[in-house]
Amino acid sequence: MSKNVIGGVVAIVVVAGLAGGGYALFSSPSKAKTNSSNNSYNSSGYGTNSSSSHQPANTASPVNNSVLITKTNSNVGGQYLASPNGITLYTYSSDTSNTSNCTGACLSIWPAYVDSGSTTDLPANVGTIKRTDNGAIQYTYKGFPLYFYIGDKAPGQINGNGVQGFYVAKP
């Protein structure tokens, strides 16, 4: 896809996101979380100091939540998941349920979406895993770890979809 087309798509997504305000997901609490810090992205979507067969089924309707929101882009088949500030979330096709296989150099490109300790209850379908490489508490959706892409610099960007086995996370 050309840069002009990608730029146009990003502009449309950003405008649509601003106009619609995004919708949050899953308000029912399901379990308590623990605090952590590491060199991954936290729940605000920014760094802290310290074949989509793995995509969850599209069965959810938007409701309020402080962990995930839904956004819409026809280039990724409709709704997708984002952090509360609108930064796109991804799943990794090499991950298995409740296990992250993105470590080392992978995490420098695909930072884990980690719990900053700001949420005490998780909505339905959202969980956490304790990463074995650094001990961080990473968010999951229907058991699959969630990541950001360093190439997404603004809300609504979806530059990482299909890159290195990572795909936009779907509700």
Protein backbone atom coordinates (compact mmCIF):
# COMPACT_ATOMS: atom_id res chain seq x y z
CA MET A 1 0.00 0.00 0.00
CA SER A 2 1.45 3.42 -0.87
CA LYS A 3 2.31 6.02 1.74
CA ASN A 4 -0.38 8.34 0.35
CA VAL A 5 -3.06 5.67 0.79
CA ILE A 6 -1.80 4.80 4.28
CA GLY A 7 -1.72 8.50 5.20
CA GLY A 8 -5.27 8.93 3.93
CA VAL A 9 -6.45 5.90 5.87
CA VAL A 10 -4.76 7.15 9.05
CA ALA A 11 -6.37 10.57 8.60
CA ILE A 12 -9.80 8.98 8.15
CA VAL A 13 -9.31 6.77 11.21
CA VAL A 14 -8.14 9.70 13.36
CA VAL A 15 -11.06 11.89 12.25
CA ALA A 16 -13.52 9.02 12.77
CA GLY A 17 -12.03 8.30 16.19
CA LEU A 18 -12.28 11.95 17.21
CA ALA A 19 -15.83 12.26 15.89
CA GLY A 20 -17.03 9.03 17.45
CA GLY A 21 -14.96 9.29 20.60
CA GLY A 22 -14.30 5.53 20.51
CA TYR A 23 -16.21 3.05 22.56
CA ALA A 24 -14.87 1.20 25.53
CA LEU A 25 -15.28 -2.52 26.11
CA PHE A 26 -16.49 -4.84 28.82
CA SER A 27 -17.49 -3.22 32.09
CA SER A 28 -17.97 -6.27 34.28
CA PRO A 29 -15.03 -6.89 36.61
CA SER A 30 -13.53 -10.35 36.50
CA LYS A 31 -10.38 -10.43 38.64
CA ALA A 32 -7.94 -8.31 40.61
CA LYS A 33 -4.59 -7.28 39.19
CA THR A 34 -1.17 -6.66 40.61
CA ASN A 35 1.23 -3.78 40.17
CA SER A 36 4.38 -3.99 38.05
CA SER A 37 6.96 -1.89 36.27
CA ASN A 38 9.28 -2.77 33.40
CA ASN A 39 10.54 -1.58 30.04
CA SER A 40 7.22 -2.11 28.28
CA TYR A 41 4.20 0.05 27.58
CA ASN A 42 1.88 0.71 30.48
CA SER A 43 -1.90 1.07 30.47
CA SER A 44 -1.68 4.64 29.17
CA GLY A 45 0.04 3.32 26.04
CA TYR A 46 3.36 4.98 26.75
CA GLY A 47 6.67 3.52 27.85
CA THR A 48 7.56 3.02 31.47
CA ASN A 49 11.08 2.98 32.74
CA SER A 50 11.61 -0.11 34.06
CA SER A 51 -2.39 -15.54 9.77
CA SER A 52 -4.60 -14.23 12.59
CA SER A 53 -5.84 -17.67 13.72
CA HIS A 54 -5.09 -16.49 17.24
CA GLN A 55 -7.56 -13.61 17.00
CA PRO A 56 -10.39 -13.75 19.54
CA ALA A 57 -13.88 -14.09 18.05
CA ASN A 58 -15.78 -10.88 17.31
CA THR A 59 -18.57 -11.29 19.87
CA ALA A 60 -18.42 -8.20 22.07
CA SER A 61 -20.45 -5.02 22.11
CA PRO A 62 -18.86 -1.76 23.29
CA VAL A 63 -19.32 -0.56 26.89
CA ASN A 64 -17.23 1.55 29.32
CA ASN A 65 -13.85 0.29 30.54
CA SER A 66 -10.52 1.78 31.58
CA VAL A 67 -8.33 -0.91 29.94
CA LEU A 68 -9.57 -1.22 26.33
CA ILE A 69 -11.64 0.70 23.81
CA THR A 70 -12.89 -0.30 20.40
CA LYS A 71 -12.14 1.64 17.27
CA THR A 72 -13.33 1.02 13.73
CA ASN A 73 -11.40 0.84 10.46
CA SER A 74 -12.67 -0.95 7.37
CA ASN A 75 -9.09 -1.82 6.33
CA VAL A 76 -8.89 -4.23 9.27
CA GLY A 77 -12.40 -5.57 8.91
CA GLY A 78 -14.25 -3.24 11.27
CA GLN A 79 -13.70 -3.02 15.01
CA TYR A 80 -10.33 -3.45 16.68
CA LEU A 81 -8.95 -2.97 20.19
CA ALA A 82 -6.94 -0.01 21.43
CA SER A 83 -5.66 1.31 24.74
CA PRO A 84 -7.82 4.01 26.40
CA ASN A 85 -5.75 6.71 24.67
CA GLY A 86 -6.53 5.21 21.24
CA ILE A 87 -3.22 3.47 20.50
CA THR A 88 -3.82 0.26 18.53
CA LEU A 89 -3.27 -3.11 20.22
CA TYR A 90 -1.97 -6.24 18.49
CA THR A 91 -1.77 -9.98 19.07
CA TYR A 92 1.13 -12.18 17.97
CA SER A 93 0.47 -15.30 15.88
CA SER A 94 3.33 -17.16 17.63
CA ASP A 95 1.76 -16.68 21.08
CA THR A 96 -0.39 -19.31 22.70
CA SER A 97 -3.11 -18.80 25.25
CA ASN A 98 -1.65 -17.07 28.33
CA THR A 99 1.91 -17.29 26.97
CA SER A 100 3.95 -14.55 25.30
CA ASN A 101 6.60 -15.65 22.81
CA CYS A 102 7.70 -12.08 22.05
CA THR A 103 10.88 -11.51 24.08
CA GLY A 104 14.20 -9.69 23.74
CA ALA A 105 14.52 -7.76 20.47
CA CYS A 106 10.86 -8.52 19.66
CA LEU A 107 9.76 -6.42 22.66
CA SER A 108 11.78 -3.45 21.43
CA ILE A 109 9.53 -3.31 18.35
CA TRP A 110 6.37 -4.74 19.93
CA PRO A 111 6.20 -3.41 23.53
CA ALA A 112 3.91 -5.39 25.79
CA TYR A 113 0.74 -3.69 27.03
CA VAL A 114 1.40 -3.90 30.75
CA ASP A 115 -0.58 -3.11 33.86
CA SER A 116 0.61 0.09 35.47
CA GLY A 117 -1.23 -0.74 38.68
CA SER A 118 -3.95 1.82 37.97
CA THR A 119 -6.79 -0.70 37.61
CA THR A 120 -7.99 -2.91 40.42
CA ASP A 121 -10.59 -4.95 38.52
CA LEU A 122 -10.51 -6.30 34.99
CA PRO A 123 -13.45 -6.38 32.60
CA ALA A 124 -14.76 -9.63 31.12
CA ASN A 125 -12.41 -11.26 28.57
CA VAL A 126 -9.47 -9.16 29.81
CA GLY A 127 -6.84 -10.85 31.95
CA THR A 128 -3.17 -10.66 32.74
CA ILE A 129 -0.13 -12.89 32.58
CA LYS A 130 3.16 -12.56 34.40
CA ARG A 131 5.89 -12.37 31.76
CA THR A 132 8.62 -14.96 32.34
CA ASP A 133 11.39 -12.74 30.90
CA ASN A 134 10.96 -9.63 33.04
CA GLY A 135 8.14 -10.30 35.52
CA ALA A 136 5.87 -7.60 34.08
CA ILE A 137 2.12 -8.08 34.28
CA GLN A 138 0.89 -8.01 30.66
CA TYR A 139 -2.73 -7.58 29.62
CA THR A 140 -4.40 -10.32 27.60
CA TYR A 141 -7.64 -10.45 25.65
CA LYS A 142 -9.35 -13.84 25.73
CA GLY A 143 -6.01 -15.23 26.90
CA PHE A 144 -3.82 -13.76 24.16
CA PRO A 145 -1.14 -11.21 25.15
CA LEU A 146 -1.57 -7.65 23.85
CA TYR A 147 1.17 -5.47 22.33
CA PHE A 148 1.76 -2.03 20.88
CA TYR A 149 3.78 -1.34 17.70
CA ILE A 150 6.52 1.29 17.83
CA GLY A 151 5.53 2.44 14.33
CA ASP A 152 2.14 3.64 15.61
CA LYS A 153 2.85 7.16 16.86
CA ALA A 154 -0.72 8.47 17.16
CA PRO A 155 -4.19 7.20 18.05
CA GLY A 156 -5.83 5.29 15.22
CA GLN A 157 -2.66 4.31 13.40
CA ILE A 158 -2.55 0.64 12.34
CA ASN A 159 0.92 0.44 10.80
CA GLY A 160 1.79 -2.91 12.40
CA ASN A 161 -1.08 -5.02 11.05
CA GLY A 162 0.37 -8.10 9.34
CA VAL A 163 3.97 -7.19 10.21
CA GLN A 164 6.18 -9.97 11.63
CA GLY A 165 3.17 -12.13 12.55
CA PHE A 166 1.38 -9.40 14.53
CA TYR A 167 -2.25 -8.53 13.80
CA VAL A 168 -4.66 -5.91 15.06
CA ALA A 169 -6.46 -7.30 18.11
CA LYS A 170 -10.17 -7.85 17.47
CA PRO A 171 -13.04 -7.81 19.96
